[in-house]
């Protein structure tokens, strides 16, 4: 916590000598906090990956859209081919 103007005035009046890093957070605490945050983010990513079935991967959005378009085109093509087939209802009773 940094020293504000009121604190500086009180310190001057009482003639208290403080070191240059007074009121600053020590580096080891900053490093610890950063490491803890990194671990938390890494844990969240691992949890998301654990939700995906084995053998799968997360596709980039552009690749996903291209694949989806290819599948839709393929479906249309197959549907059109099936619609062109003749419909014959020949049963044993008709013979």
PDB file of N, CA and C in Angstrom:
ATOM      1  N   UNK A   1       0.856  -1.162   0.000  1.00  0.00           N
ATOM      2  CA  UNK A   1       0.000   0.000   0.000  1.00  0.00           C
ATOM      3  C   UNK A   1       0.901   1.223   0.000  1.00  0.00           C
ATOM      4  N   UNK A   2       0.790   2.089  -0.996  1.00  0.00           N
ATOM      5  CA  UNK A   2       1.662   3.251  -1.102  1.00  0.00           C
ATOM      6  C   UNK A   2       1.377   4.277   0.005  1.00  0.00           C
ATOM      7  N   UNK A   3       2.385   5.049   0.265  1.00  0.00           N
ATOM      8  CA  UNK A   3       2.276   6.080   1.297  1.00  0.00           C
ATOM      9  C   UNK A   3       1.639   7.312   0.668  1.00  0.00           C
ATOM     10  N   UNK A   4       0.527   7.809   1.234  1.00  0.00           N
ATOM     11  CA  UNK A   4      -0.122   8.992   0.677  1.00  0.00           C
ATOM     12  C   UNK A   4       0.415  10.259   1.345  1.00  0.00           C
ATOM     13  N   UNK A   5      -0.071  11.410   0.926  1.00  0.00           N
ATOM     14  CA  UNK A   5       0.443  12.705   1.388  1.00  0.00           C
ATOM     15  C   UNK A   5       0.277  12.889   2.893  1.00  0.00           C
ATOM     16  N   UNK A   6      -0.872  12.480   3.451  1.00  0.00           N
ATOM     17  CA  UNK A   6      -1.112  12.649   4.885  1.00  0.00           C
ATOM     18  C   UNK A   6      -0.112  11.822   5.689  1.00  0.00           C
ATOM     19  N   UNK A   7       0.149  10.590   5.220  1.00  0.00           N
ATOM     20  CA  UNK A   7       1.112   9.741   5.911  1.00  0.00           C
ATOM     21  C   UNK A   7       2.512  10.342   5.846  1.00  0.00           C
ATOM     22  N   UNK A   8       2.882  10.905   4.706  1.00  0.00           N
ATOM     23  CA  UNK A   8       4.202  11.528   4.569  1.00  0.00           C
ATOM     24  C   UNK A   8       4.360  12.695   5.540  1.00  0.00           C
ATOM     25  N   UNK A   9       3.289  13.453   5.716  1.00  0.00           N
ATOM     26  CA  UNK A   9       3.339  14.601   6.625  1.00  0.00           C
ATOM     27  C   UNK A   9       3.549  14.130   8.059  1.00  0.00           C
ATOM     28  N   UNK A  10       2.825  13.092   8.477  1.00  0.00           N
ATOM     29  CA  UNK A  10       2.970  12.548   9.834  1.00  0.00           C
ATOM     30  C   UNK A  10       4.369  11.998  10.025  1.00  0.00           C
ATOM     31  N   UNK A  11       4.892  11.325   9.024  1.00  0.00           N
ATOM     32  CA  UNK A  11       6.238  10.746   9.108  1.00  0.00           C
ATOM     33  C   UNK A  11       7.275  11.852   9.256  1.00  0.00           C
ATOM     34  N   UNK A  12       7.120  12.942   8.498  1.00  0.00           N
ATOM     35  CA  UNK A  12       8.060  14.061   8.583  1.00  0.00           C
ATOM     36  C   UNK A  12       8.008  14.710   9.960  1.00  0.00           C
ATOM     37  N   UNK A  13       6.807  14.886  10.505  1.00  0.00           N
ATOM     38  CA  UNK A  13       6.658  15.520  11.812  1.00  0.00           C
ATOM     39  C   UNK A  13       7.309  14.688  12.905  1.00  0.00           C
ATOM     40  N   UNK A  14       7.224  13.392  12.794  1.00  0.00           N
ATOM     41  CA  UNK A  14       7.777  12.517  13.833  1.00  0.00           C
ATOM     42  C   UNK A  14       9.228  12.150  13.563  1.00  0.00           C
ATOM     43  N   UNK A  15       9.784  12.637  12.458  1.00  0.00           N
ATOM     44  CA  UNK A  15      11.172  12.353  12.080  1.00  0.00           C
ATOM     45  C   UNK A  15      11.461  10.847  12.006  1.00  0.00           C
ATOM     46  N   UNK A  16      10.576  10.144  11.376  1.00  0.00           N
ATOM     47  CA  UNK A  16      10.752   8.702  11.218  1.00  0.00           C
ATOM     48  C   UNK A  16      11.446   8.465   9.891  1.00  0.00           C
ATOM     49  N   UNK A  17      12.550   7.726   9.932  1.00  0.00           N
ATOM     50  CA  UNK A  17      13.275   7.366   8.712  1.00  0.00           C
ATOM     51  C   UNK A  17      12.774   6.014   8.216  1.00  0.00           C
ATOM     52  N   UNK A  18      12.259   6.017   7.014  1.00  0.00           N
ATOM     53  CA  UNK A  18      11.762   4.786   6.411  1.00  0.00           C
ATOM     54  C   UNK A  18      12.623   4.420   5.221  1.00  0.00           C
ATOM     55  N   UNK A  19      12.696   3.138   4.941  1.00  0.00           N
ATOM     56  CA  UNK A  19      13.480   2.697   3.786  1.00  0.00           C
ATOM     57  C   UNK A  19      12.739   3.046   2.496  1.00  0.00           C
ATOM     58  N   UNK A  20      13.457   3.009   1.380  1.00  0.00           N
ATOM     59  CA  UNK A  20      12.901   3.462   0.103  1.00  0.00           C
ATOM     60  C   UNK A  20      11.730   2.616  -0.383  1.00  0.00           C
ATOM     61  N   UNK A  21      11.610   1.378   0.068  1.00  0.00           N
ATOM     62  CA  UNK A  21      10.539   0.506  -0.381  1.00  0.00           C
ATOM     63  C   UNK A  21       9.374   0.444   0.600  1.00  0.00           C
ATOM     64  N   UNK A  22       9.312   1.371   1.516  1.00  0.00           N
ATOM     65  CA  UNK A  22       8.241   1.377   2.512  1.00  0.00           C
ATOM     66  C   UNK A  22       6.888   1.530   1.810  1.00  0.00           C
ATOM     67  N   UNK A  23       5.961   0.662   2.141  1.00  0.00           N
ATOM     68  CA  UNK A  23       4.623   0.734   1.578  1.00  0.00           C
ATOM     69  C   UNK A  23       4.453   0.003   0.258  1.00  0.00           C
ATOM     70  N   UNK A  24       5.522  -0.561  -0.272  1.00  0.00           N
ATOM     71  CA  UNK A  24       5.439  -1.307  -1.529  1.00  0.00           C
ATOM     72  C   UNK A  24       5.299  -2.803  -1.243  1.00  0.00           C
ATOM     73  N   UNK A  25       4.625  -3.502  -2.150  1.00  0.00           N
ATOM     74  CA  UNK A  25       4.461  -4.946  -2.003  1.00  0.00           C
ATOM     75  C   UNK A  25       5.776  -5.614  -2.405  1.00  0.00           C
ATOM     76  N   UNK A  26       6.295  -6.505  -1.574  1.00  0.00           N
ATOM     77  CA  UNK A  26       7.562  -7.185  -1.905  1.00  0.00           C
ATOM     78  C   UNK A  26       7.442  -8.002  -3.190  1.00  0.00           C
ATOM     79  N   UNK A  27       8.564  -8.117  -3.882  1.00  0.00           N
ATOM     80  CA  UNK A  27       8.585  -8.836  -5.160  1.00  0.00           C
ATOM     81  C   UNK A  27       8.172 -10.293  -5.016  1.00  0.00           C
ATOM     82  N   UNK A  28       8.581 -10.951  -3.923  1.00  0.00           N
ATOM     83  CA  UNK A  28       8.249 -12.365  -3.784  1.00  0.00           C
ATOM     84  C   UNK A  28       6.741 -12.568  -3.660  1.00  0.00           C
ATOM     85  N   UNK A  29       6.036 -11.599  -3.089  1.00  0.00           N
ATOM     86  CA  UNK A  29       4.576 -11.704  -2.990  1.00  0.00           C
ATOM     87  C   UNK A  29       3.955 -11.486  -4.375  1.00  0.00           C
ATOM     88  N   UNK A  30       4.497 -10.522  -5.139  1.00  0.00           N
ATOM     89  CA  UNK A  30       3.997 -10.314  -6.508  1.00  0.00           C
ATOM     90  C   UNK A  30       4.212 -11.575  -7.351  1.00  0.00           C
ATOM     91  N   UNK A  31       5.388 -12.199  -7.222  1.00  0.00           N
ATOM     92  CA  UNK A  31       5.673 -13.419  -7.973  1.00  0.00           C
ATOM     93  C   UNK A  31       4.732 -14.536  -7.551  1.00  0.00           C
ATOM     94  N   UNK A  32       4.487 -14.664  -6.250  1.00  0.00           N
ATOM     95  CA  UNK A  32       3.583 -15.697  -5.748  1.00  0.00           C
ATOM     96  C   UNK A  32       2.166 -15.481  -6.303  1.00  0.00           C
ATOM     97  N   UNK A  33       1.697 -14.238  -6.265  1.00  0.00           N
ATOM     98  CA  UNK A  33       0.357 -13.939  -6.776  1.00  0.00           C
ATOM     99  C   UNK A  33       0.257 -14.238  -8.270  1.00  0.00           C
ATOM    100  N   UNK A  34       1.287 -13.897  -9.040  1.00  0.00           N
ATOM    101  CA  UNK A  34       1.304 -14.168 -10.475  1.00  0.00           C
ATOM    102  C   UNK A  34       1.296 -15.671 -10.738  1.00  0.00           C
ATOM    103  N   UNK A  35       2.106 -16.417  -9.977  1.00  0.00           N
ATOM    104  CA  UNK A  35       2.160 -17.873 -10.136  1.00  0.00           C
ATOM    105  C   UNK A  35       0.807 -18.492  -9.800  1.00  0.00           C
ATOM    106  N   UNK A  36       0.167 -18.006  -8.743  1.00  0.00           N
ATOM    107  CA  UNK A  36      -1.135 -18.533  -8.343  1.00  0.00           C
ATOM    108  C   UNK A  36      -2.175 -18.266  -9.430  1.00  0.00           C
ATOM    109  N   UNK A  37      -2.139 -17.086 -10.019  1.00  0.00           N
ATOM    110  CA  UNK A  37      -3.075 -16.751 -11.094  1.00  0.00           C
ATOM    111  C   UNK A  37      -2.815 -17.617 -12.323  1.00  0.00           C
ATOM    112  N   UNK A  38      -1.544 -17.817 -12.684  1.00  0.00           N
ATOM    113  CA  UNK A  38      -1.193 -18.673 -13.823  1.00  0.00           C
ATOM    114  C   UNK A  38      -1.660 -20.106 -13.596  1.00  0.00           C
ATOM    115  N   UNK A  39      -1.464 -20.609 -12.378  1.00  0.00           N
ATOM    116  CA  UNK A  39      -1.912 -21.965 -12.043  1.00  0.00           C
ATOM    117  C   UNK A  39      -3.429 -22.081 -12.159  1.00  0.00           C
ATOM    118  N   UNK A  40      -4.133 -21.053 -11.733  1.00  0.00           N
ATOM    119  CA  UNK A  40      -5.594 -21.056 -11.803  1.00  0.00           C
ATOM    120  C   UNK A  40      -6.055 -21.100 -13.256  1.00  0.00           C
ATOM    121  N   UNK A  41      -5.450 -20.301 -14.112  1.00  0.00           N
ATOM    122  CA  UNK A  41      -5.804 -20.282 -15.539  1.00  0.00           C
ATOM    123  C   UNK A  41      -5.480 -21.620 -16.177  1.00  0.00           C
ATOM    124  N   UNK A  42      -4.315 -22.178 -15.847  1.00  0.00           N
ATOM    125  CA  UNK A  42      -3.918 -23.475 -16.391  1.00  0.00           C
ATOM    126  C   UNK A  42      -4.909 -24.566 -15.955  1.00  0.00           C
ATOM    127  N   UNK A  43      -5.336 -24.520 -14.704  1.00  0.00           N
ATOM    128  CA  UNK A  43      -6.292 -25.494 -14.190  1.00  0.00           C
ATOM    129  C   UNK A  43      -7.634 -25.391 -14.922  1.00  0.00           C
ATOM    130  N   UNK A  44      -8.077 -24.162 -15.195  1.00  0.00           N
ATOM    131  CA  UNK A  44      -9.333 -23.975 -15.927  1.00  0.00           C
ATOM    132  C   UNK A  44      -9.237 -24.545 -17.340  1.00  0.00           C
ATOM    133  N   UNK A  45      -8.104 -24.323 -18.000  1.00  0.00           N
ATOM    134  CA  UNK A  45      -7.901 -24.842 -19.350  1.00  0.00           C
ATOM    135  C   UNK A  45      -7.902 -26.370 -19.334  1.00  0.00           C
ATOM    136  N   UNK A  46      -7.238 -26.964 -18.346  1.00  0.00           N
ATOM    137  CA  UNK A  46      -7.196 -28.422 -18.245  1.00  0.00           C
ATOM    138  C   UNK A  46      -8.584 -28.989 -17.982  1.00  0.00           C
ATOM    139  N   UNK A  47      -9.394 -28.303 -17.181  1.00  0.00           N
ATOM    140  CA  UNK A  47     -10.760 -28.761 -16.915  1.00  0.00           C
ATOM    141  C   UNK A  47     -11.594 -28.729 -18.188  1.00  0.00           C
ATOM    142  N   UNK A  48     -11.419 -27.693 -19.007  1.00  0.00           N
ATOM    143  CA  UNK A  48     -12.146 -27.606 -20.275  1.00  0.00           C
ATOM    144  C   UNK A  48     -11.715 -28.731 -21.213  1.00  0.00           C
ATOM    145  N   UNK A  49     -10.411 -29.026 -21.248  1.00  0.00           N
ATOM    146  CA  UNK A  49      -9.919 -30.099 -22.113  1.00  0.00           C
ATOM    147  C   UNK A  49     -10.427 -31.457 -21.640  1.00  0.00           C
ATOM    148  N   UNK A  50     -10.592 -31.621 -20.330  1.00  0.00           N
ATOM    149  CA  UNK A  50     -11.063 -32.896 -19.784  1.00  0.00           C
ATOM    150  C   UNK A  50     -12.512 -33.164 -20.180  1.00  0.00           C
ATOM    151  N   UNK A  51     -13.271 -32.125 -20.467  1.00  0.00           N
ATOM    152  CA  UNK A  51     -14.665 -32.282 -20.861  1.00  0.00           C
ATOM    153  C   UNK A  51     -14.805 -32.836 -22.277  1.00  0.00           C
ATOM    154  N   UNK A  52     -13.784 -32.659 -23.104  1.00  0.00           N
ATOM    155  CA  UNK A  52     -13.843 -33.123 -24.491  1.00  0.00           C
ATOM    156  C   UNK A  52     -13.559 -34.622 -24.542  1.00  0.00           C
ATOM    157  N   UNK A  53     -14.302 -35.359 -25.367  1.00  0.00           N
ATOM    158  CA  UNK A  53     -14.056 -36.805 -25.490  1.00  0.00           C
ATOM    159  C   UNK A  53     -12.660 -37.068 -26.048  1.00  0.00           C
ATOM    160  N   UNK A  54     -12.088 -38.217 -25.694  1.00  0.00           N
ATOM    161  CA  UNK A  54     -10.744 -38.533 -26.209  1.00  0.00           C
ATOM    162  C   UNK A  54     -10.765 -38.669 -27.730  1.00  0.00           C
ATOM    163  N   UNK A  55      -9.678 -38.262 -28.357  1.00  0.00           N
ATOM    164  CA  UNK A  55      -9.575 -38.352 -29.807  1.00  0.00           C
ATOM    165  C   UNK A  55     -10.180 -37.166 -30.534  1.00  0.00           C
ATOM    166  N   UNK A  56     -10.673 -36.169 -29.790  1.00  0.00           N
ATOM    167  CA  UNK A  56     -11.238 -34.981 -30.423  1.00  0.00           C
ATOM    168  C   UNK A  56     -10.332 -33.789 -30.164  1.00  0.00           C
ATOM    169  N   UNK A  57     -10.579 -32.746 -30.915  1.00  0.00           N
ATOM    170  CA  UNK A  57      -9.808 -31.520 -30.709  1.00  0.00           C
ATOM    171  C   UNK A  57     -10.718 -30.328 -30.976  1.00  0.00           C
ATOM    172  N   UNK A  58     -10.352 -29.208 -30.451  1.00  0.00           N
ATOM    173  CA  UNK A  58     -11.104 -27.980 -30.661  1.00  0.00           C
ATOM    174  C   UNK A  58     -10.645 -27.349 -31.971  1.00  0.00           C
ATOM    175  N   UNK A  59     -11.604 -27.147 -32.876  1.00  0.00           N
ATOM    176  CA  UNK A  59     -11.276 -26.603 -34.192  1.00  0.00           C
ATOM    177  C   UNK A  59     -11.318 -25.076 -34.150  1.00  0.00           C
ATOM    178  N   UNK A  60     -10.427 -24.442 -34.913  1.00  0.00           N
ATOM    179  CA  UNK A  60     -10.547 -22.990 -35.060  1.00  0.00           C
ATOM    180  C   UNK A  60     -11.870 -22.642 -35.746  1.00  0.00           C
ATOM    181  N   UNK A  61     -12.402 -21.481 -35.471  1.00  0.00           N
ATOM    182  CA  UNK A  61     -13.725 -21.096 -35.967  1.00  0.00           C
ATOM    183  C   UNK A  61     -13.804 -21.164 -37.490  1.00  0.00           C
ATOM    184  N   UNK A  62     -12.777 -20.688 -38.189  1.00  0.00           N
ATOM    185  CA  UNK A  62     -12.788 -20.689 -39.662  1.00  0.00           C
ATOM    186  C   UNK A  62     -12.841 -22.119 -40.207  1.00  0.00           C
ATOM    187  N   UNK A  63     -12.047 -23.003 -39.624  1.00  0.00           N
ATOM    188  CA  UNK A  63     -12.039 -24.400 -40.064  1.00  0.00           C
ATOM    189  C   UNK A  63     -13.391 -25.062 -39.762  1.00  0.00           C
ATOM    190  N   UNK A  64     -13.971 -24.744 -38.622  1.00  0.00           N
ATOM    191  CA  UNK A  64     -15.270 -25.299 -38.244  1.00  0.00           C
ATOM    192  C   UNK A  64     -16.349 -24.889 -39.248  1.00  0.00           C
ATOM    193  N   UNK A  65     -16.350 -23.606 -39.633  1.00  0.00           N
ATOM    194  CA  UNK A  65     -17.347 -23.113 -40.588  1.00  0.00           C
ATOM    195  C   UNK A  65     -17.156 -23.740 -41.965  1.00  0.00           C
ATOM    196  N   UNK A  66     -15.902 -23.902 -42.405  1.00  0.00           N
ATOM    197  CA  UNK A  66     -15.627 -24.546 -43.693  1.00  0.00           C
ATOM    198  C   UNK A  66     -16.107 -26.000 -43.693  1.00  0.00           C
ATOM    199  N   UNK A  67     -15.831 -26.710 -42.622  1.00  0.00           N
ATOM    200  CA  UNK A  67     -16.254 -28.106 -42.513  1.00  0.00           C
ATOM    201  C   UNK A  67     -17.776 -28.206 -42.507  1.00  0.00           C
ATOM    202  N   UNK A  68     -18.416 -27.311 -41.777  1.00  0.00           N
ATOM    203  CA  UNK A  68     -19.883 -27.301 -41.715  1.00  0.00           C
ATOM    204  C   UNK A  68     -20.484 -27.051 -43.099  1.00  0.00           C
ATOM    205  N   UNK A  69     -19.892 -26.119 -43.855  1.00  0.00           N
ATOM    206  CA  UNK A  69     -20.374 -25.827 -45.211  1.00  0.00           C
ATOM    207  C   UNK A  69     -20.187 -27.050 -46.106  1.00  0.00           C
ATOM    208  N   UNK A  70     -19.039 -27.710 -46.015  1.00  0.00           N
ATOM    209  CA  UNK A  70     -18.792 -28.918 -46.808  1.00  0.00           C
ATOM    210  C   UNK A  70     -19.814 -30.005 -46.487  1.00  0.00           C
ATOM    211  N   UNK A  71     -20.113 -30.181 -45.222  1.00  0.00           N
ATOM    212  CA  UNK A  71     -21.084 -31.203 -44.824  1.00  0.00           C
ATOM    213  C   UNK A  71     -22.490 -30.868 -45.327  1.00  0.00           C
ATOM    214  N   UNK A  72     -22.859 -29.602 -45.272  1.00  0.00           N
ATOM    215  CA  UNK A  72     -24.175 -29.188 -45.767  1.00  0.00           C
ATOM    216  C   UNK A  72     -24.276 -29.400 -47.277  1.00  0.00           C
ATOM    217  N   UNK A  73     -23.212 -29.060 -48.005  1.00  0.00           N
ATOM    218  CA  UNK A  73     -23.200 -29.281 -49.461  1.00  0.00           C
ATOM    219  C   UNK A  73     -23.311 -30.773 -49.780  1.00  0.00           C
ATOM    220  N   UNK A  74     -22.591 -31.587 -49.045  1.00  0.00           N
ATOM    221  CA  UNK A  74     -22.634 -33.030 -49.257  1.00  0.00           C
ATOM    222  C   UNK A  74     -24.033 -33.571 -48.981  1.00  0.00           C
ATOM    223  N   UNK A  75     -24.669 -33.071 -47.943  1.00  0.00           N
ATOM    224  CA  UNK A  75     -26.031 -33.500 -47.618  1.00  0.00           C
ATOM    225  C   UNK A  75     -26.996 -33.141 -48.746  1.00  0.00           C
ATOM    226  N   UNK A  76     -26.887 -31.920 -49.281  1.00  0.00           N
ATOM    227  CA  UNK A  76     -27.749 -31.499 -50.391  1.00  0.00           C
ATOM    228  C   UNK A  76     -27.552 -32.409 -51.603  1.00  0.00           C
ATOM    229  N   UNK A  77     -26.297 -32.716 -51.903  1.00  0.00           N
ATOM    230  CA  UNK A  77     -25.985 -33.546 -53.056  1.00  0.00           C
ATOM    231  C   UNK A  77     -26.576 -34.949 -52.888  1.00  0.00           C
ATOM    232  N   UNK A  78     -26.429 -35.531 -51.734  1.00  0.00           N
ATOM    233  CA  UNK A  78     -26.971 -36.873 -51.478  1.00  0.00           C
ATOM    234  C   UNK A  78     -28.490 -36.853 -51.511  1.00  0.00           C
ATOM    235  N   UNK A  79     -29.092 -35.810 -50.935  1.00  0.00           N
ATOM    236  CA  UNK A  79     -30.545 -35.692 -50.940  1.00  0.00           C
ATOM    237  C   UNK A  79     -31.061 -35.590 -52.372  1.00  0.00           C
ATOM    238  N   UNK A  80     -30.417 -34.794 -53.198  1.00  0.00           N
ATOM    239  CA  UNK A  80     -30.821 -34.663 -54.608  1.00  0.00           C
ATOM    240  C   UNK A  80     -30.700 -36.001 -55.338  1.00  0.00           C
ATOM    241  N   UNK A  81     -29.631 -36.735 -55.081  1.00  0.00           N
ATOM    242  CA  UNK A  81     -29.441 -38.043 -55.716  1.00  0.00           C
ATOM    243  C   UNK A  81     -30.543 -39.003 -55.295  1.00  0.00           C
ATOM    244  N   UNK A  82     -30.877 -39.009 -54.019  1.00  0.00           N
ATOM    245  CA  UNK A  82     -31.944 -39.896 -53.539  1.00  0.00           C
ATOM    246  C   UNK A  82     -33.307 -39.518 -54.105  1.00  0.00           C
ATOM    247  N   UNK A  83     -33.544 -38.238 -54.292  1.00  0.00           N
ATOM    248  CA  UNK A  83     -34.827 -37.792 -54.840  1.00  0.00           C
ATOM    249  C   UNK A  83     -34.994 -38.203 -56.294  1.00  0.00           C
ATOM    250  N   UNK A  84     -33.892 -38.394 -57.016  1.00  0.00           N
ATOM    251  CA  UNK A  84     -33.951 -38.770 -58.424  1.00  0.00           C
ATOM    252  C   UNK A  84     -34.179 -40.260 -58.633  1.00  0.00           C
ATOM    253  N   UNK A  85     -34.019 -41.044 -57.581  1.00  0.00           N
ATOM    254  CA  UNK A  85     -34.227 -42.485 -57.713  1.00  0.00           C
ATOM    255  C   UNK A  85     -35.715 -42.780 -57.929  1.00  0.00           C
ATOM    256  N   UNK A  86     -35.994 -43.798 -58.723  1.00  0.00           N
ATOM    257  CA  UNK A  86     -37.411 -44.141 -58.960  1.00  0.00           C
ATOM    258  C   UNK A  86     -38.028 -44.764 -57.709  1.00  0.00           C
ATOM    259  N   UNK A  87     -39.299 -44.476 -57.523  1.00  0.00           N
ATOM    260  CA  UNK A  87     -40.014 -45.054 -56.401  1.00  0.00           C
ATOM    261  C   UNK A  87     -40.853 -46.206 -56.951  1.00  0.00           C
ATOM    262  N   UNK A  88     -40.566 -47.419 -56.515  1.00  0.00           N
ATOM    263  CA  UNK A  88     -41.265 -48.601 -56.983  1.00  0.00           C
ATOM    264  C   UNK A  88     -41.864 -49.274 -55.763  1.00  0.00           C
ATOM    265  N   UNK A  89     -43.153 -49.501 -55.843  1.00  0.00           N
ATOM    266  CA  UNK A  89     -43.775 -50.231 -54.740  1.00  0.00           C
ATOM    267  C   UNK A  89     -44.287 -51.558 -55.271  1.00  0.00           C
ATOM    268  N   UNK A  90     -43.416 -52.497 -55.348  1.00  0.00           N
ATOM    269  CA  UNK A  90     -43.748 -53.818 -55.852  1.00  0.00           C
ATOM    270  C   UNK A  90     -43.712 -54.774 -54.664  1.00  0.00           C
ATOM    271  N   UNK A  91     -44.822 -55.362 -54.375  1.00  0.00           N
ATOM    272  CA  UNK A  91     -44.900 -56.269 -53.249  1.00  0.00           C
ATOM    273  C   UNK A  91     -45.271 -57.664 -53.734  1.00  0.00           C
ATOM    274  N   UNK A  92     -45.252 -58.606 -52.882  1.00  0.00           N
ATOM    275  CA  UNK A  92     -45.603 -59.998 -53.228  1.00  0.00           C
ATOM    276  C   UNK A  92     -47.089 -60.085 -53.583  1.00  0.00           C
ATOM    277  N   UNK A  93     -47.900 -59.314 -52.879  1.00  0.00           N
ATOM    278  CA  UNK A  93     -49.344 -59.356 -53.134  1.00  0.00           C
ATOM    279  C   UNK A  93     -49.676 -58.834 -54.522  1.00  0.00           C
ATOM    280  N   UNK A  94     -48.910 -57.972 -55.081  1.00  0.00           N
ATOM    281  CA  UNK A  94     -49.167 -57.413 -56.408  1.00  0.00           C
ATOM    282  C   UNK A  94     -48.836 -58.408 -57.524  1.00  0.00           C
ATOM    283  N   UNK A  95     -48.047 -59.383 -57.258  1.00  0.00           N
ATOM    284  CA  UNK A  95     -47.632 -60.332 -58.299  1.00  0.00           C
ATOM    285  C   UNK A  95     -48.652 -61.326 -58.593  1.00  0.00           C
TER     286      UNK A  95
END
